[in-house]
PDB file of all heavy atoms in Angstrom:
ATOM      1  N   TYR A   1     -33.111  29.766  15.089  1.00  0.00           N
ATOM      2  CA  TYR A   1     -31.814  30.393  15.179  1.00  0.00           C
ATOM      3  C   TYR A   1     -31.488  31.110  13.892  1.00  0.00           C
ATOM      4  O   TYR A   1     -30.416  31.899  13.845  1.00  0.00           O
ATOM      5  CB  TYR A   1     -30.764  29.386  15.514  1.00  0.00           C
ATOM      6  CG  TYR A   1     -30.720  29.010  16.892  1.00  0.00           C
ATOM      7  CD1 TYR A   1     -29.861  27.813  17.213  1.00  0.00           C
ATOM      8  CD2 TYR A   1     -31.494  29.413  17.892  1.00  0.00           C
ATOM      9  CE1 TYR A   1     -29.810  27.313  18.477  1.00  0.00           C
ATOM     10  CE2 TYR A   1     -31.485  28.956  19.203  1.00  0.00           C
ATOM     11  CZ  TYR A   1     -30.606  27.884  19.531  1.00  0.00           C
ATOM     12  OH  TYR A   1     -30.597  27.398  20.773  1.00  0.00           O
ATOM     13  N   ASN A   2     -32.177  30.904  12.769  1.00  0.00           N
ATOM     14  CA  ASN A   2     -31.755  31.366  11.508  1.00  0.00           C
ATOM     15  C   ASN A   2     -30.287  31.045  11.075  1.00  0.00           C
ATOM     16  O   ASN A   2     -29.594  31.764  10.506  1.00  0.00           O
ATOM     17  CB  ASN A   2     -31.857  32.872  11.530  1.00  0.00           C
ATOM     18  CG  ASN A   2     -31.823  33.456  10.071  1.00  0.00           C
ATOM     19  OD1 ASN A   2     -32.196  32.880   9.053  1.00  0.00           O
ATOM     20  ND2 ASN A   2     -31.195  34.742   9.968  1.00  0.00           N
ATOM     21  N   ILE A   3     -29.952  29.824  11.443  1.00  0.00           N
ATOM     22  CA  ILE A   3     -28.667  29.187  11.160  1.00  0.00           C
ATOM     23  C   ILE A   3     -28.911  28.057  10.243  1.00  0.00           C
ATOM     24  O   ILE A   3     -29.597  27.066  10.609  1.00  0.00           O
ATOM     25  CB  ILE A   3     -27.897  28.807  12.336  1.00  0.00           C
ATOM     26  CG1 ILE A   3     -27.557  29.984  13.273  1.00  0.00           C
ATOM     27  CG2 ILE A   3     -26.524  28.097  12.068  1.00  0.00           C
ATOM     28  CD1 ILE A   3     -26.912  29.700  14.617  1.00  0.00           C
ATOM     29  N   ARG A   4     -28.338  28.076   9.036  1.00  0.00           N
ATOM     30  CA  ARG A   4     -28.404  27.076   8.129  1.00  0.00           C
ATOM     31  C   ARG A   4     -27.262  26.090   8.195  1.00  0.00           C
ATOM     32  O   ARG A   4     -26.122  26.590   8.577  1.00  0.00           O
ATOM     33  CB  ARG A   4     -28.573  27.462   6.667  1.00  0.00           C
ATOM     34  CG  ARG A   4     -29.762  28.372   6.525  1.00  0.00           C
ATOM     35  CD  ARG A   4     -30.001  28.984   5.110  1.00  0.00           C
ATOM     36  NE  ARG A   4     -28.958  29.859   4.796  1.00  0.00           N
ATOM     37  CZ  ARG A   4     -28.016  29.580   3.908  1.00  0.00           C
ATOM     38  NH1 ARG A   4     -27.850  28.412   3.224  1.00  0.00           N
ATOM     39  NH2 ARG A   4     -27.091  30.591   3.658  1.00  0.00           N
ATOM     40  N   CYS A   5     -27.368  24.682   7.893  1.00  0.00           N
ATOM     41  CA  CYS A   5     -26.243  23.867   7.930  1.00  0.00           C
ATOM     42  C   CYS A   5     -26.416  22.871   6.797  1.00  0.00           C
ATOM     43  O   CYS A   5     -27.430  22.143   6.687  1.00  0.00           O
ATOM     44  CB  CYS A   5     -26.156  23.049   9.342  1.00  0.00           C
ATOM     45  SG  CYS A   5     -24.806  22.063   9.486  1.00  0.00           S
ATOM     46  N   ASN A   6     -25.445  22.910   5.875  1.00  0.00           N
ATOM     47  CA  ASN A   6     -25.486  22.092   4.746  1.00  0.00           C
ATOM     48  C   ASN A   6     -24.103  21.334   4.581  1.00  0.00           C
ATOM     49  O   ASN A   6     -23.116  21.715   5.220  1.00  0.00           O
ATOM     50  CB  ASN A   6     -25.698  22.866   3.440  1.00  0.00           C
ATOM     51  CG  ASN A   6     -27.167  23.532   3.448  1.00  0.00           C
ATOM     52  OD1 ASN A   6     -28.156  22.804   3.338  1.00  0.00           O
ATOM     53  ND2 ASN A   6     -27.208  24.817   3.650  1.00  0.00           N
ATOM     54  N   VAL A   7     -24.051  20.244   3.773  1.00  0.00           N
ATOM     55  CA  VAL A   7     -22.909  19.442   3.607  1.00  0.00           C
ATOM     56  C   VAL A   7     -22.564  19.304   2.052  1.00  0.00           C
ATOM     57  O   VAL A   7     -23.436  19.095   1.316  1.00  0.00           O
ATOM     58  CB  VAL A   7     -23.108  18.072   4.318  1.00  0.00           C
ATOM     59  CG1 VAL A   7     -24.236  17.272   3.691  1.00  0.00           C
ATOM     60  CG2 VAL A   7     -21.793  17.341   4.286  1.00  0.00           C
ATOM     61  N   VAL A   8     -21.261  19.497   1.839  1.00  0.00           N
ATOM     62  CA  VAL A   8     -20.714  19.236   0.539  1.00  0.00           C
ATOM     63  C   VAL A   8     -19.992  17.872   0.488  1.00  0.00           C
ATOM     64  O   VAL A   8     -19.131  17.593   1.386  1.00  0.00           O
ATOM     65  CB  VAL A   8     -19.835  20.418   0.082  1.00  0.00           C
ATOM     66  CG1 VAL A   8     -19.081  20.207  -1.223  1.00  0.00           C
ATOM     67  CG2 VAL A   8     -20.537  21.723   0.101  1.00  0.00           C
ATOM     68  N   LEU A   9     -20.261  17.161  -0.568  1.00  0.00           N
ATOM     69  CA  LEU A   9     -19.552  15.794  -0.748  1.00  0.00           C
ATOM     70  C   LEU A   9     -18.784  15.816  -2.177  1.00  0.00           C
ATOM     71  O   LEU A   9     -19.295  15.493  -3.082  1.00  0.00           O
ATOM     72  CB  LEU A   9     -20.614  14.728  -0.861  1.00  0.00           C
ATOM     73  CG  LEU A   9     -21.378  14.517   0.550  1.00  0.00           C
ATOM     74  CD1 LEU A   9     -22.578  15.377   0.544  1.00  0.00           C
ATOM     75  CD2 LEU A   9     -21.862  13.046   0.699  1.00  0.00           C
ATOM     76  N   PRO A  10     -17.550  16.264  -1.989  1.00  0.00           N
ATOM     77  CA  PRO A  10     -16.700  16.202  -3.242  1.00  0.00           C
ATOM     78  C   PRO A  10     -16.327  14.879  -3.634  1.00  0.00           C
ATOM     79  O   PRO A  10     -16.004  13.920  -2.790  1.00  0.00           O
ATOM     80  CB  PRO A  10     -15.488  17.141  -2.864  1.00  0.00           C
ATOM     81  CG  PRO A  10     -15.883  17.746  -1.524  1.00  0.00           C
ATOM     82  CD  PRO A  10     -16.782  16.841  -0.783  1.00  0.00           C
ATOM     83  N   GLY A  11     -16.067  14.637  -4.946  1.00  0.00           N
ATOM     84  CA  GLY A  11     -15.278  13.500  -5.367  1.00  0.00           C
ATOM     85  C   GLY A  11     -13.900  13.945  -5.515  1.00  0.00           C
ATOM     86  O   GLY A  11     -13.428  14.780  -4.726  1.00  0.00           O
ATOM     87  N   ALA A  12     -13.161  13.466  -6.471  1.00  0.00           N
ATOM     88  CA  ALA A  12     -11.692  13.712  -6.636  1.00  0.00           C
ATOM     89  C   ALA A  12     -11.508  15.098  -7.091  1.00  0.00           C
ATOM     90  O   ALA A  12     -12.093  15.573  -8.150  1.00  0.00           O
ATOM     91  CB  ALA A  12     -11.014  12.714  -7.619  1.00  0.00           C
ATOM     92  N   HIS A  13     -10.695  15.948  -6.343  1.00  0.00           N
ATOM     93  CA  HIS A  13     -10.298  17.255  -6.745  1.00  0.00           C
ATOM     94  C   HIS A  13      -8.790  17.333  -6.523  1.00  0.00           C
ATOM     95  O   HIS A  13      -8.246  16.759  -5.675  1.00  0.00           O
ATOM     96  CB  HIS A  13     -11.103  18.315  -5.949  1.00  0.00           C
ATOM     97  CG  HIS A  13     -12.422  18.425  -6.339  1.00  0.00           C
ATOM     98  ND1 HIS A  13     -13.452  17.538  -6.063  1.00  0.00           N
ATOM     99  CD2 HIS A  13     -13.066  19.487  -7.187  1.00  0.00           C
ATOM    100  CE1 HIS A  13     -14.598  17.963  -6.503  1.00  0.00           C
ATOM    101  NE2 HIS A  13     -14.406  18.995  -7.263  1.00  0.00           N
ATOM    102  N   ASP A  14      -8.177  18.109  -7.501  1.00  0.00           N
ATOM    103  CA  ASP A  14      -6.768  18.211  -7.466  1.00  0.00           C
ATOM    104  C   ASP A  14      -6.212  19.028  -6.349  1.00  0.00           C
ATOM    105  O   ASP A  14      -6.034  20.295  -6.460  1.00  0.00           O
ATOM    106  CB  ASP A  14      -6.266  18.764  -8.795  1.00  0.00           C
ATOM    107  CG  ASP A  14      -4.739  18.682  -9.027  1.00  0.00           C
ATOM    108  OD1 ASP A  14      -4.026  17.989  -8.285  1.00  0.00           O
ATOM    109  OD2 ASP A  14      -4.308  19.508  -9.866  1.00  0.00           O
ATOM    110  N   THR A  15      -5.886  18.466  -5.204  1.00  0.00           N
ATOM    111  CA  THR A  15      -5.365  19.103  -4.025  1.00  0.00           C
ATOM    112  C   THR A  15      -4.108  18.321  -3.655  1.00  0.00           C
ATOM    113  O   THR A  15      -3.878  17.140  -4.029  1.00  0.00           O
ATOM    114  CB  THR A  15      -6.410  19.040  -2.856  1.00  0.00           C
ATOM    115  OG1 THR A  15      -6.515  17.732  -2.459  1.00  0.00           O
ATOM    116  CG2 THR A  15      -7.707  19.672  -3.275  1.00  0.00           C
ATOM    117  N   PRO A  16      -3.303  19.047  -2.792  1.00  0.00           N
ATOM    118  CA  PRO A  16      -2.100  18.296  -2.226  1.00  0.00           C
ATOM    119  C   PRO A  16      -2.375  16.949  -1.614  1.00  0.00           C
ATOM    120  O   PRO A  16      -1.740  16.057  -1.768  1.00  0.00           O
ATOM    121  CB  PRO A  16      -1.382  19.314  -1.302  1.00  0.00           C
ATOM    122  CG  PRO A  16      -1.875  20.677  -1.948  1.00  0.00           C
ATOM    123  CD  PRO A  16      -3.226  20.409  -2.380  1.00  0.00           C
ATOM    124  N   MET A  17      -3.526  16.971  -0.801  1.00  0.00           N
ATOM    125  CA  MET A  17      -3.880  15.677  -0.115  1.00  0.00           C
ATOM    126  C   MET A  17      -4.193  14.671  -1.072  1.00  0.00           C
ATOM    127  O   MET A  17      -3.891  13.454  -0.911  1.00  0.00           O
ATOM    128  CB  MET A  17      -5.009  15.909   0.887  1.00  0.00           C
ATOM    129  CG  MET A  17      -5.385  14.713   1.821  1.00  0.00           C
ATOM    130  SD  MET A  17      -6.678  14.974   2.964  1.00  0.00           S
ATOM    131  CE  MET A  17      -8.055  14.786   1.939  1.00  0.00           C
ATOM    132  N   THR A  18      -4.977  14.984  -2.167  1.00  0.00           N
ATOM    133  CA  THR A  18      -5.420  13.986  -3.123  1.00  0.00           C
ATOM    134  C   THR A  18      -4.113  13.467  -3.913  1.00  0.00           C
ATOM    135  O   THR A  18      -4.048  12.256  -4.165  1.00  0.00           O
ATOM    136  CB  THR A  18      -6.400  14.659  -4.099  1.00  0.00           C
ATOM    137  OG1 THR A  18      -7.519  15.103  -3.395  1.00  0.00           O
ATOM    138  CG2 THR A  18      -6.750  13.596  -5.150  1.00  0.00           C
ATOM    139  N   ARG A  19      -3.228  14.400  -4.278  1.00  0.00           N
ATOM    140  CA  ARG A  19      -2.139  13.976  -5.002  1.00  0.00           C
ATOM    141  C   ARG A  19      -1.270  12.922  -4.146  1.00  0.00           C
ATOM    142  O   ARG A  19      -0.796  11.896  -4.624  1.00  0.00           O
ATOM    143  CB  ARG A  19      -1.228  15.155  -5.316  1.00  0.00           C
ATOM    144  CG  ARG A  19      -1.708  15.891  -6.619  1.00  0.00           C
ATOM    145  CD  ARG A  19      -0.859  17.092  -6.957  1.00  0.00           C
ATOM    146  NE  ARG A  19      -1.699  18.258  -7.056  1.00  0.00           N
ATOM    147  CZ  ARG A  19      -1.498  19.308  -6.420  1.00  0.00           C
ATOM    148  NH1 ARG A  19      -0.442  19.498  -5.583  1.00  0.00           N
ATOM    149  NH2 ARG A  19      -2.289  20.364  -6.563  1.00  0.00           N
ATOM    150  N   ALA A  20      -1.034  13.286  -2.834  1.00  0.00           N
ATOM    151  CA  ALA A  20      -0.327  12.342  -1.969  1.00  0.00           C
ATOM    152  C   ALA A  20      -1.008  11.068  -1.825  1.00  0.00           C
ATOM    153  O   ALA A  20      -0.443   9.992  -1.895  1.00  0.00           O
ATOM    154  CB  ALA A  20      -0.135  13.141  -0.620  1.00  0.00           C
ATOM    155  N   ALA A  21      -2.326  11.112  -1.668  1.00  0.00           N
ATOM    156  CA  ALA A  21      -3.155   9.814  -1.467  1.00  0.00           C
ATOM    157  C   ALA A  21      -3.037   8.938  -2.757  1.00  0.00           C
ATOM    158  O   ALA A  21      -2.842   7.763  -2.725  1.00  0.00           O
ATOM    159  CB  ALA A  21      -4.607  10.127  -1.171  1.00  0.00           C
ATOM    160  N   LEU A  22      -3.244   9.573  -3.923  1.00  0.00           N
ATOM    161  CA  LEU A  22      -3.125   8.797  -5.186  1.00  0.00           C
ATOM    162  C   LEU A  22      -1.884   8.113  -5.476  1.00  0.00           C
ATOM    163  O   LEU A  22      -1.699   7.104  -6.096  1.00  0.00           O
ATOM    164  CB  LEU A  22      -3.593   9.748  -6.341  1.00  0.00           C
ATOM    165  CG  LEU A  22      -4.921  10.234  -6.399  1.00  0.00           C
ATOM    166  CD1 LEU A  22      -5.135  11.239  -7.525  1.00  0.00           C
ATOM    167  CD2 LEU A  22      -5.989   9.024  -6.490  1.00  0.00           C
ATOM    168  N   ALA A  23      -0.910   8.827  -4.971  1.00  0.00           N
ATOM    169  CA  ALA A  23       0.557   8.233  -5.178  1.00  0.00           C
ATOM    170  C   ALA A  23       0.699   6.869  -4.377  1.00  0.00           C
ATOM    171  O   ALA A  23       1.647   6.054  -4.773  1.00  0.00           O
ATOM    172  CB  ALA A  23       1.577   9.214  -4.674  1.00  0.00           C
ATOM    173  N   LEU A  24      -0.160   6.724  -3.422  1.00  0.00           N
ATOM    174  CA  LEU A  24      -0.006   5.439  -2.616  1.00  0.00           C
ATOM    175  C   LEU A  24      -0.819   4.368  -3.235  1.00  0.00           C
ATOM    176  O   LEU A  24      -0.725   3.139  -2.752  1.00  0.00           O
ATOM    177  CB  LEU A  24      -0.456   5.737  -1.169  1.00  0.00           C
ATOM    178  CG  LEU A  24       0.319   6.741  -0.421  1.00  0.00           C
ATOM    179  CD1 LEU A  24      -0.293   7.001   0.980  1.00  0.00           C
ATOM    180  CD2 LEU A  24       1.811   6.336  -0.288  1.00  0.00           C
ATOM    181  N   LEU A  25      -1.723   4.605  -4.220  1.00  0.00           N
ATOM    182  CA  LEU A  25      -2.634   3.575  -4.707  1.00  0.00           C
ATOM    183  C   LEU A  25      -1.880   2.648  -5.726  1.00  0.00           C
ATOM    184  O   LEU A  25      -1.080   3.241  -6.604  1.00  0.00           O
ATOM    185  CB  LEU A  25      -3.843   4.288  -5.417  1.00  0.00           C
ATOM    186  CG  LEU A  25      -4.864   4.920  -4.496  1.00  0.00           C
ATOM    187  CD1 LEU A  25      -5.959   5.570  -5.375  1.00  0.00           C
ATOM    188  CD2 LEU A  25      -5.434   3.967  -3.465  1.00  0.00           C
ATOM    189  N   PRO A  26      -2.068   1.381  -5.705  1.00  0.00           N
ATOM    190  CA  PRO A  26      -1.467   0.464  -6.688  1.00  0.00           C
ATOM    191  C   PRO A  26      -2.149   0.767  -8.063  1.00  0.00           C
ATOM    192  O   PRO A  26      -3.373   1.074  -8.164  1.00  0.00           O
ATOM    193  CB  PRO A  26      -1.838  -0.911  -6.120  1.00  0.00           C
ATOM    194  CG  PRO A  26      -2.981  -0.746  -5.290  1.00  0.00           C
ATOM    195  CD  PRO A  26      -2.892   0.711  -4.814  1.00  0.00           C
ATOM    196  N   PRO A  27      -1.406   0.458  -9.181  1.00  0.00           N
ATOM    197  CA  PRO A  27      -1.950   0.527 -10.594  1.00  0.00           C
ATOM    198  C   PRO A  27      -3.239  -0.415 -10.660  1.00  0.00           C
ATOM    199  O   PRO A  27      -3.311  -1.429 -10.018  1.00  0.00           O
ATOM    200  CB  PRO A  27      -0.983   0.020 -11.415  1.00  0.00           C
ATOM    201  CG  PRO A  27       0.388   0.202 -10.541  1.00  0.00           C
ATOM    202  CD  PRO A  27       0.022  -0.040  -9.146  1.00  0.00           C
ATOM    203  N   GLY A  28      -4.290   0.115 -11.267  1.00  0.00           N
ATOM    204  CA  GLY A  28      -5.463  -0.562 -11.530  1.00  0.00           C
ATOM    205  C   GLY A  28      -6.533  -0.420 -10.346  1.00  0.00           C
ATOM    206  O   GLY A  28      -7.649  -1.047 -10.450  1.00  0.00           O
ATOM    207  N   GLU A  29      -6.115   0.299  -9.277  1.00  0.00           N
ATOM    208  CA  GLU A  29      -7.060   0.434  -8.215  1.00  0.00           C
ATOM    209  C   GLU A  29      -8.261   1.209  -8.714  1.00  0.00           C
ATOM    210  O   GLU A  29      -8.252   2.159  -9.572  1.00  0.00           O
ATOM    211  CB  GLU A  29      -6.384   1.226  -7.090  1.00  0.00           C
ATOM    212  CG  GLU A  29      -7.063   1.067  -5.712  1.00  0.00           C
ATOM    213  CD  GLU A  29      -8.313   1.936  -5.422  1.00  0.00           C
ATOM    214  OE1 GLU A  29      -8.422   2.972  -6.166  1.00  0.00           O
ATOM    215  OE2 GLU A  29      -9.200   1.580  -4.709  1.00  0.00           O
ATOM    216  N   ALA A  30      -9.518   1.006  -8.224  1.00  0.00           N
ATOM    217  CA  ALA A  30     -10.735   1.524  -8.775  1.00  0.00           C
ATOM    218  C   ALA A  30     -10.717   3.118  -8.677  1.00  0.00           C
ATOM    219  O   ALA A  30     -11.227   3.690  -9.633  1.00  0.00           O
ATOM    220  CB  ALA A  30     -11.897   1.057  -7.909  1.00  0.00           C
ATOM    221  N   GLY A  31     -10.150   3.713  -7.710  1.00  0.00           N
ATOM    222  CA  GLY A  31     -10.098   5.092  -7.648  1.00  0.00           C
ATOM    223  C   GLY A  31      -9.305   5.727  -8.707  1.00  0.00           C
ATOM    224  O   GLY A  31      -9.611   6.779  -9.293  1.00  0.00           O
TER     225      GLY A  31
END
């Protein structure tokens, strides 16, 4: 088909979703 398919695996990046998620983590959490 001449169609390529690849996957990206990001770590932490400064996005609205990440900011909202981090706000829910307790102090000292591994993340």
